[in-house]
Amino acid sequence: MRWWDIEPVMDLELRLFPEDAWSHGMFWSELAEARPGGTRHYSVATAADGTIVGYAGLMTVAGEGDVQTIAVDERHQGAGLGTALLTDLIHEAARRGCADLLLEVRVDNQRAQRLYERHGFEPVGIRRGYYQPADIDALVMRLEHPSTDSTDPKDIEDTPHG
């Protein structure tokens, strides 16, 4: 992800997360750390026409990783993009030597929880009222010892399954 991707990412962000969307400033701050030697890694997924249809971000500090965000346009869900984006984050966490990779997911988002479980994440706790202003709890999940052994994102088929 680059600075010029912020506007199309914000369009997706506001559509997918209307109650608790990140601001432009939050994305600018995250990208300021997505540089060589920085603590962030951000990726976008694009459709054949170049339109951004997904994005994901990772923070790594002192051997610990945290999935900051992951989103896929609802019209492109089920096509493997969530897997590709998550695999990219897992590979980057492993490349950066993270012992653990954590994330928070809404307790009412079963689809995302299943994606994370398929990649080896396990529930480790609850953060009460984490998602505001809706006051929705977050399930905290952890992947121990992220690895580059999982599927390469470039090998994920980009067509709907089913």
Protein backbone atom coordinates (compact mmCIF):
# COMPACT_ATOMS: atom_id res chain seq x y z
CA MET A 1 0.00 0.00 0.00
CA ARG A 2 1.21 3.47 -0.86
CA TRP A 3 -0.07 6.95 -0.05
CA TRP A 4 -2.02 7.12 -3.32
CA ASP A 5 -3.98 4.04 -2.24
CA ILE A 6 -5.46 5.77 0.82
CA GLU A 7 -8.52 7.24 -0.97
CA PRO A 8 -9.70 3.94 -2.52
CA VAL A 9 -8.88 2.12 0.73
CA MET A 10 -10.94 4.71 2.65
CA ASP A 11 -13.88 4.12 0.29
CA LEU A 12 -13.74 0.41 1.19
CA GLU A 13 -13.12 1.12 4.87
CA LEU A 14 -16.18 3.35 5.19
CA ARG A 15 -18.36 0.87 3.32
CA LEU A 16 -17.19 -2.23 5.22
CA PHE A 17 -16.81 -0.72 8.70
CA PRO A 18 -19.25 2.19 8.88
CA GLU A 19 -19.44 2.28 12.69
CA ASP A 20 -15.75 1.99 13.51
CA ALA A 21 -13.90 2.98 10.34
CA TRP A 22 -10.34 4.20 10.54
CA SER A 23 -9.70 7.82 9.58
CA HIS A 24 -7.48 9.13 6.82
CA GLY A 25 -5.03 10.20 9.51
CA MET A 26 -4.82 6.70 10.94
CA PHE A 27 -3.89 5.26 7.53
CA TRP A 28 -1.36 8.06 6.96
CA SER A 29 0.21 7.31 10.35
CA GLU A 30 0.36 3.58 9.63
CA LEU A 31 1.96 4.12 6.23
CA ALA A 32 4.55 6.44 7.77
CA GLU A 33 5.88 3.31 9.54
CA ALA A 34 5.60 1.09 6.43
CA ARG A 35 9.13 1.76 5.24
CA PRO A 36 12.38 -0.19 5.36
CA GLY A 37 13.16 -0.63 9.04
CA GLY A 38 9.66 0.48 10.04
CA THR A 39 7.22 -1.39 12.23
CA ARG A 40 4.39 -1.71 9.67
CA HIS A 41 3.66 -3.71 6.52
CA TYR A 42 0.60 -2.93 4.39
CA SER A 43 -0.67 -4.63 1.22
CA VAL A 44 -3.54 -4.13 -1.19
CA ALA A 45 -5.36 -6.61 -3.40
CA THR A 46 -6.49 -5.39 -6.80
CA ALA A 47 -8.99 -6.59 -9.37
CA ALA A 48 -7.94 -7.14 -12.99
CA ASP A 49 -8.80 -3.50 -13.79
CA GLY A 50 -6.53 -2.22 -10.99
CA THR A 51 -9.35 -1.36 -8.58
CA ILE A 52 -8.40 -1.96 -4.94
CA VAL A 53 -10.69 -4.68 -3.57
CA GLY A 54 -8.87 -5.52 -0.34
CA TYR A 55 -6.15 -4.44 2.04
CA ALA A 56 -4.31 -5.66 5.09
CA GLY A 57 -1.84 -4.33 7.62
CA LEU A 58 0.66 -5.71 10.12
CA MET A 59 2.54 -4.17 13.03
CA THR A 60 5.68 -5.86 14.38
CA VAL A 61 7.52 -4.76 17.50
CA ALA A 62 10.15 -6.68 19.49
CA GLY A 63 9.36 -10.08 18.01
CA GLU A 64 5.59 -9.76 18.33
CA GLY A 65 3.19 -9.21 15.45
CA ASP A 66 -0.33 -7.82 15.37
CA VAL A 67 -2.75 -7.85 12.45
CA GLN A 68 -3.89 -4.22 12.38
CA THR A 69 -6.55 -4.58 9.71
CA ILE A 70 -7.75 -6.88 6.97
CA ALA A 71 -10.67 -6.23 4.64
CA VAL A 72 -12.07 -7.52 1.36
CA ASP A 73 -14.78 -5.84 -0.72
CA GLU A 74 -18.00 -7.78 -0.16
CA ARG A 75 -18.34 -8.28 -3.95
CA HIS A 76 -14.99 -10.13 -3.96
CA GLN A 77 -15.37 -12.21 -0.80
CA GLY A 78 -15.11 -15.95 -1.30
CA ALA A 79 -12.51 -15.55 -4.05
CA GLY A 80 -9.45 -16.27 -1.90
CA LEU A 81 -8.42 -12.64 -1.36
CA GLY A 82 -8.76 -12.82 2.42
CA THR A 83 -6.52 -15.89 2.40
CA ALA A 84 -4.00 -14.16 0.13
CA LEU A 85 -3.87 -11.04 2.31
CA LEU A 86 -3.63 -12.99 5.56
CA THR A 87 -0.94 -15.27 4.12
CA ASP A 88 1.05 -12.20 3.12
CA LEU A 89 0.86 -10.89 6.70
CA ILE A 90 1.85 -14.28 8.15
CA HIS A 91 4.84 -14.51 5.79
CA GLU A 92 5.94 -10.98 6.68
CA ALA A 93 5.61 -11.69 10.41
CA ALA A 94 7.77 -14.80 9.96
CA ARG A 95 10.30 -12.86 7.86
CA ARG A 96 10.54 -10.31 10.67
CA GLY A 97 11.12 -13.06 13.25
CA CYS A 98 7.85 -12.78 15.17
CA ALA A 99 7.28 -15.49 17.78
CA ASP A 100 3.54 -14.81 17.86
CA LEU A 101 1.00 -13.08 15.65
CA LEU A 102 -2.10 -11.66 17.35
CA LEU A 103 -5.34 -10.20 16.06
CA GLU A 104 -8.72 -9.01 17.25
CA VAL A 105 -11.91 -9.98 15.44
CA ARG A 106 -15.51 -9.08 16.22
CA VAL A 107 -17.20 -11.86 18.19
CA ASP A 108 -20.09 -11.68 15.70
CA ASN A 109 -17.85 -12.13 12.63
CA GLN A 110 -17.89 -15.91 12.25
CA ARG A 111 -16.67 -15.82 8.65
CA ALA A 112 -13.46 -14.03 9.60
CA GLN A 113 -12.96 -16.27 12.63
CA ARG A 114 -13.15 -19.36 10.37
CA LEU A 115 -10.54 -17.82 8.03
CA TYR A 116 -8.17 -17.24 10.94
CA GLU A 117 -8.75 -20.72 12.35
CA ARG A 118 -7.94 -22.27 8.94
CA HIS A 119 -4.56 -20.52 9.18
CA GLY A 120 -3.82 -21.85 12.67
CA PHE A 121 -4.99 -18.96 14.85
CA GLU A 122 -6.49 -19.99 18.19
CA PRO A 123 -8.71 -18.00 20.56
CA VAL A 124 -6.85 -16.67 23.61
CA GLY A 125 -9.19 -14.10 25.15
CA ILE A 126 -11.91 -11.47 24.86
CA ARG A 127 -11.58 -7.68 24.83
CA ARG A 128 -14.88 -6.36 26.17
CA GLY A 129 -16.39 -3.44 24.25
CA TYR A 130 -13.38 -3.25 21.92
CA TYR A 131 -15.33 -2.11 18.86
CA GLN A 132 -16.87 1.29 19.48
CA PRO A 133 -19.33 2.92 19.32
CA ALA A 134 -21.30 -0.36 18.87
CA ASP A 135 -19.77 -1.78 22.09
CA ILE A 136 -18.99 -5.13 20.43
CA ASP A 137 -16.50 -7.50 22.06
CA ALA A 138 -13.38 -8.66 20.25
CA LEU A 139 -12.12 -12.21 20.23
CA VAL A 140 -8.33 -12.17 20.55
CA MET A 141 -6.64 -14.87 18.48
CA ARG A 142 -3.00 -15.95 18.31
CA LEU A 143 -0.84 -17.81 15.83
CA GLU A 144 2.29 -19.18 17.45
CA HIS A 145 5.47 -19.21 15.37
CA PRO A 146 4.24 -17.71 12.07
CA SER A 147 5.87 -19.50 9.17
CA THR A 148 6.51 -19.03 5.48
CA ASP A 149 5.49 -22.66 4.95
CA SER A 150 1.84 -21.77 4.33
CA THR A 151 0.44 -21.17 0.86
CA ASP A 152 2.13 -18.41 -1.11
CA PRO A 153 -0.37 -15.57 -1.79
CA LYS A 154 0.59 -15.64 -5.48
CA ASP A 155 -0.72 -19.23 -5.67
CA ILE A 156 -4.26 -18.30 -4.56
CA GLU A 157 -6.76 -18.47 -7.39
CA ASP A 158 -8.54 -15.11 -7.81
CA THR A 159 -11.89 -16.45 -9.01
CA PRO A 160 -14.97 -17.15 -6.90
CA HIS A 161 -15.30 -20.66 -5.51
CA GLY A 162 -18.53 -22.46 -5.21
